[in-house]
Amino acid sequence: MSTTVIVQARWGSSRLPGKILKRIGRKSVLSWCLDRCAQIPGVDNVICAVPEGSADGIIAYAALEAGYPVSRGSQSDVLARYARAAREARAEIVMRVTSDCPFIDPNICGQVLSLLQGPDVDYACNNMPPRFPHGLDCDAFAASLLFEAERAASDPYEREHVTPWLRRHKRLSKACLRGPGGGLERLRWTLDYAADLDFLQACANAYGPEVETASAAELAALCLRRPDLPAINAAHIDEARLEDVTRAPLQTAPVSLADAA
């Protein structure tokens, strides 16, 4: 079956406009994310879902320049934008990733995809509950379910955030790749504030030239050795995310980030 990673990306950000075009080392945050998604085992292609309109043209151009196809869709109805991208890619399986996650881990994403091969699993993720560092979130589901959500979802929150309809629907069987926890879930590897960019750049500088292919385990080990690094953006830890008790009925054993032990 054709598996497509759809990475949603836009220029607008109230806290850090144009954040995904900020640079970490020699590449933009967007390129980091797209290149890592291309390394996910079992993925056939990666497409960037960008809003229509001139304001986001620079994002579409940046994705194309990085070598990835682009689908343009609704600014506010991100669910419809995803469905359009899935149709254009002729996807049968969709993995969702957001472009503000430059440290997304291909191996962890591959394990989430593998959960869909289990018996009667309709929706797979790694954040029900959130026990990985913030910035490694992904989910996977059949494109047919995405199209069903597009037809059925009416709540504005469900239209804006793509997967809530799938996560809430009682008929669908949900599985979670459970993260290690133990405090690693408090690491903030996503980009929303200037301090997040400072952290990401500091990590890249501390790790060295091979950081572009560093695993989540290797990056977690760096953060544990160098507590001054996660301290850079610790003020922006999303406590509401950590307090979310939503739990998928099917749970794997906690994934060990062995290099971080």
Protein backbone atom coordinates (compact mmCIF):
# COMPACT_ATOMS: atom_id res chain seq x y z
CA MET A 1 0.00 0.00 0.00
CA SER A 2 1.20 3.50 -0.83
CA THR A 3 2.28 5.35 2.32
CA THR A 4 2.61 9.13 2.27
CA VAL A 5 3.87 11.46 4.96
CA ILE A 6 1.95 14.73 4.83
CA VAL A 7 3.77 17.59 6.53
CA GLN A 8 1.61 20.61 7.24
CA ALA A 9 3.42 23.93 6.91
CA ARG A 10 2.48 27.61 6.88
CA TRP A 11 4.10 31.01 7.17
CA GLY A 12 1.81 32.44 9.83
CA SER A 13 2.74 32.11 13.50
CA SER A 14 1.64 34.60 16.13
CA ARG A 15 4.70 33.99 18.29
CA LEU A 16 7.41 33.49 15.66
CA PRO A 17 6.34 34.39 12.09
CA GLY A 18 8.11 32.41 9.39
CA LYS A 19 9.48 30.08 12.04
CA ILE A 20 9.89 27.05 9.79
CA LEU A 21 12.21 28.95 7.48
CA LYS A 22 14.54 29.79 10.36
CA ARG A 23 17.85 28.00 10.04
CA ILE A 24 19.48 25.36 12.19
CA GLY A 25 22.99 24.98 10.90
CA ARG A 26 22.96 24.85 7.13
CA LYS A 27 19.26 24.05 6.63
CA SER A 28 15.86 25.50 7.40
CA VAL A 29 13.63 23.92 10.03
CA LEU A 30 11.29 22.88 7.19
CA SER A 31 14.09 21.09 5.36
CA TRP A 32 15.15 19.31 8.53
CA CYS A 33 11.62 17.98 9.00
CA LEU A 34 11.06 16.96 5.37
CA ASP A 35 14.46 15.26 5.07
CA ARG A 36 13.92 13.27 8.26
CA CYS A 37 10.44 12.22 7.14
CA ALA A 38 11.92 10.92 3.88
CA GLN A 39 14.00 8.49 5.96
CA ILE A 40 11.01 6.84 7.66
CA PRO A 41 11.01 3.09 6.91
CA GLY A 42 8.10 2.04 4.70
CA VAL A 43 7.32 5.53 3.40
CA ASP A 44 6.86 5.97 -0.36
CA ASN A 45 6.74 9.76 -0.55
CA VAL A 46 6.61 12.97 1.46
CA ILE A 47 4.38 15.89 0.50
CA CYS A 48 4.14 19.34 2.03
CA ALA A 49 0.58 20.63 2.61
CA VAL A 50 0.66 24.43 2.38
CA PRO A 51 -2.21 26.94 2.55
CA GLU A 52 -3.35 28.69 -0.60
CA GLY A 53 -2.63 32.38 -0.96
CA SER A 54 0.35 34.57 -1.67
CA ALA A 55 1.46 34.80 1.98
CA ASP A 56 2.38 31.12 1.99
CA GLY A 57 3.96 31.08 -1.46
CA ILE A 58 7.40 31.35 0.11
CA ILE A 59 6.75 28.15 2.09
CA ALA A 60 5.62 26.28 -1.02
CA TYR A 61 8.70 27.49 -2.90
CA ALA A 62 11.00 26.42 -0.06
CA ALA A 63 9.52 22.91 -0.03
CA LEU A 64 9.81 22.57 -3.80
CA GLU A 65 13.37 23.88 -3.69
CA ALA A 66 14.17 21.22 -1.08
CA GLY A 67 12.93 18.57 -3.52
CA TYR A 68 9.46 17.77 -2.18
CA PRO A 69 6.05 18.03 -3.86
CA VAL A 70 3.56 20.56 -2.55
CA SER A 71 -0.22 20.53 -2.23
CA ARG A 72 -2.04 23.85 -1.67
CA GLY A 73 -5.30 23.89 0.25
CA SER A 74 -7.45 25.72 2.78
CA GLN A 75 -5.79 28.05 5.28
CA SER A 76 -8.24 27.39 8.14
CA ASP A 77 -9.64 23.95 7.26
CA VAL A 78 -6.48 21.92 7.72
CA LEU A 79 -8.44 18.66 7.63
CA ALA A 80 -9.60 19.47 4.09
CA ARG A 81 -6.05 20.50 3.19
CA TYR A 82 -4.78 17.12 4.35
CA ALA A 83 -7.45 15.23 2.46
CA ARG A 84 -6.61 17.14 -0.71
CA ALA A 85 -2.92 16.35 -0.32
CA ALA A 86 -3.70 12.67 0.24
CA ARG A 87 -5.79 12.56 -2.94
CA GLU A 88 -3.12 14.31 -4.97
CA ALA A 89 -0.50 11.86 -3.67
CA ARG A 90 -2.85 8.89 -4.23
CA ALA A 91 -2.04 7.83 -0.69
CA GLU A 92 -3.53 4.72 0.87
CA ILE A 93 -1.84 5.19 4.26
CA VAL A 94 -1.20 8.67 5.66
CA MET A 95 1.28 9.71 8.33
CA ARG A 96 0.80 13.18 9.79
CA VAL A 97 3.76 15.30 10.92
CA THR A 98 3.94 19.02 11.62
CA SER A 99 6.73 21.10 10.13
CA ASP A 100 7.79 22.69 13.42
CA CYS A 101 9.39 19.41 14.54
CA PRO A 102 12.93 19.40 13.07
CA PHE A 103 14.09 16.53 15.31
CA ILE A 104 11.29 14.14 14.23
CA ASP A 105 12.75 10.63 14.47
CA PRO A 106 12.40 8.32 11.43
CA ASN A 107 12.69 5.12 13.47
CA ILE A 108 10.01 6.15 15.95
CA CYS A 109 7.72 7.16 13.09
CA GLY A 110 8.39 3.79 11.44
CA GLN A 111 7.34 1.99 14.61
CA VAL A 112 4.09 3.97 14.67
CA LEU A 113 3.43 2.95 11.07
CA SER A 114 4.06 -0.67 12.00
CA LEU A 115 1.26 -0.50 14.58
CA LEU A 116 -1.24 -0.14 11.73
CA GLN A 117 -0.30 -3.64 10.60
CA GLY A 118 -1.67 -5.05 13.86
CA PRO A 119 -5.09 -6.69 13.95
CA ASP A 120 -7.97 -4.22 13.96
CA VAL A 121 -5.85 -1.08 14.43
CA ASP A 122 -7.42 1.92 12.68
CA TYR A 123 -5.37 4.76 14.14
CA ALA A 124 -1.80 4.71 15.47
CA CYS A 125 0.12 7.42 17.28
CA ASN A 126 2.82 8.02 19.89
CA ASN A 127 1.13 10.57 22.15
CA MET A 128 -1.85 8.89 23.84
CA PRO A 129 -0.45 9.52 26.48
CA PRO A 130 2.44 11.91 25.62
CA ARG A 131 5.63 10.29 26.94
CA PHE A 132 8.13 11.19 24.22
CA PRO A 133 9.95 14.53 24.05
CA HIS A 134 7.65 17.23 22.66
CA GLY A 135 8.50 17.42 18.98
CA LEU A 136 8.39 13.72 18.08
CA ASP A 137 4.60 13.45 17.68
CA CYS A 138 3.18 11.61 14.68
CA ASP A 139 0.10 9.62 13.80
CA ALA A 140 -0.91 7.25 11.02
CA PHE A 141 -4.19 6.05 9.54
CA ALA A 142 -5.79 4.88 6.31
CA ALA A 143 -6.50 7.61 3.77
CA SER A 144 -10.06 6.32 3.57
CA LEU A 145 -10.55 7.27 7.24
CA LEU A 146 -9.11 10.72 6.55
CA PHE A 147 -11.70 11.16 3.79
CA GLU A 148 -14.44 9.95 6.15
CA ALA A 149 -13.32 12.51 8.74
CA GLU A 150 -13.37 15.21 6.07
CA ARG A 151 -17.01 14.38 5.32
CA ALA A 152 -18.18 13.93 8.91
CA ALA A 153 -16.27 16.36 11.11
CA SER A 154 -18.22 19.50 11.97
CA ASP A 155 -16.48 20.83 15.09
CA PRO A 156 -14.14 23.71 14.12
CA TYR A 157 -11.43 22.19 16.36
CA GLU A 158 -11.67 18.94 14.38
CA ARG A 159 -11.29 20.83 11.11
CA GLU A 160 -8.30 22.84 12.31
CA HIS A 161 -6.30 20.01 13.90
CA VAL A 162 -6.92 17.10 11.45
CA THR A 163 -6.95 14.10 13.80
CA PRO A 164 -9.34 14.89 16.71
CA TRP A 165 -12.29 13.32 14.87
CA LEU A 166 -10.29 10.11 14.45
CA ARG A 167 -9.09 10.16 18.07
CA ARG A 168 -12.59 10.75 19.43
CA HIS A 169 -14.52 8.31 17.25
CA LYS A 170 -15.48 5.34 19.40
CA ARG A 171 -15.78 2.97 16.44
CA LEU A 172 -12.09 3.29 15.57
CA SER A 173 -9.49 1.13 17.28
CA LYS A 174 -6.51 3.16 18.51
CA ALA A 175 -2.96 2.08 19.34
CA CYS A 176 -0.14 4.07 20.93
CA LEU A 177 3.60 3.58 20.74
CA ARG A 178 4.30 4.49 24.34
CA GLY A 179 7.26 6.73 25.04
CA PRO A 180 9.82 6.19 27.78
CA GLY A 181 8.60 8.90 30.15
CA GLY A 182 10.84 9.28 33.17
CA GLY A 183 11.14 13.01 32.57
CA LEU A 184 12.08 12.78 28.88
CA GLU A 185 8.55 13.89 28.01
CA ARG A 186 9.46 17.31 29.46
CA LEU A 187 12.11 17.91 26.80
CA ARG A 188 10.85 20.50 24.33
CA TRP A 189 12.04 19.89 20.76
CA THR A 190 9.31 21.75 18.89
CA LEU A 191 9.49 25.32 17.55
CA ASP A 192 7.02 27.95 18.64
CA TYR A 193 9.05 30.57 20.53
CA ALA A 194 12.36 32.33 19.98
CA ALA A 195 13.76 30.37 22.93
CA ASP A 196 12.89 27.12 21.13
CA LEU A 197 14.98 28.21 18.16
CA ASP A 198 17.84 29.11 20.51
CA PHE A 199 17.60 25.62 22.02
CA LEU A 200 17.53 23.84 18.66
CA GLN A 201 20.51 25.81 17.39
CA ALA A 202 22.44 25.20 20.63
CA CYS A 203 21.78 21.45 20.38
CA ALA A 204 23.01 21.39 16.80
CA ASN A 205 26.17 23.27 17.75
CA ALA A 206 26.82 21.03 20.74
CA TYR A 207 26.25 17.78 18.84
CA GLY A 208 28.33 18.65 15.81
CA PRO A 209 28.08 18.08 12.04
CA GLU A 210 26.32 14.70 12.30
CA VAL A 211 23.34 16.20 14.14
CA GLU A 212 21.21 16.11 10.98
CA THR A 213 20.96 12.32 11.27
CA ALA A 214 21.09 12.05 15.08
CA SER A 215 18.42 9.82 16.59
CA ALA A 216 16.03 10.83 19.34
CA ALA A 217 18.02 8.63 21.71
CA GLU A 218 21.26 10.41 20.85
CA LEU A 219 19.66 13.83 21.23
CA ALA A 220 18.08 12.85 24.53
CA ALA A 221 21.46 11.66 25.77
CA LEU A 222 22.92 15.05 24.83
CA CYS A 223 20.19 16.84 26.78
CA LEU A 224 20.84 14.69 29.85
CA ARG A 225 24.60 15.30 29.68
CA ARG A 226 24.06 19.02 29.13
CA PRO A 227 21.13 20.18 31.29
CA ASP A 228 21.98 23.75 30.32
CA LEU A 229 20.55 22.98 26.86
CA PRO A 230 16.95 22.03 27.79
CA ALA A 231 17.03 24.88 30.32
CA ILE A 232 17.07 27.33 27.37
CA ASN A 233 13.38 26.79 26.57
CA ALA A 234 12.16 25.10 29.76
CA ALA A 235 9.93 28.09 30.53
CA HIS A 236 7.76 27.08 27.57
CA ILE A 237 7.13 23.45 28.52
CA ASP A 238 3.49 22.70 27.65
CA GLU A 239 2.09 21.55 30.99
CA ALA A 240 -1.40 21.08 29.52
CA ARG A 241 0.05 18.56 27.07
CA LEU A 242 1.63 16.60 29.91
CA GLU A 243 -1.62 16.60 31.88
CA ASP A 244 -3.59 15.06 29.00
CA VAL A 245 -4.80 11.69 30.32
CA THR A 246 -6.24 10.51 26.99
CA ARG A 247 -5.04 6.95 26.55
CA ALA A 248 -5.30 4.69 23.52
CA PRO A 249 -6.85 1.32 24.45
CA LEU A 250 -3.90 -0.50 22.86
CA GLN A 251 -0.49 0.36 24.32
CA THR A 252 2.96 -0.96 23.51
CA ALA A 253 5.58 -1.47 26.17
CA PRO A 254 7.47 1.79 26.80
CA VAL A 255 10.04 2.45 24.08
CA SER A 256 13.53 2.70 25.54
CA LEU A 257 15.71 5.54 24.33
CA ALA A 258 18.66 3.33 25.22
CA ASP A 259 21.37 5.88 24.50
CA ALA A 260 19.76 8.21 27.00
CA ALA A 261 19.86 5.78 29.89
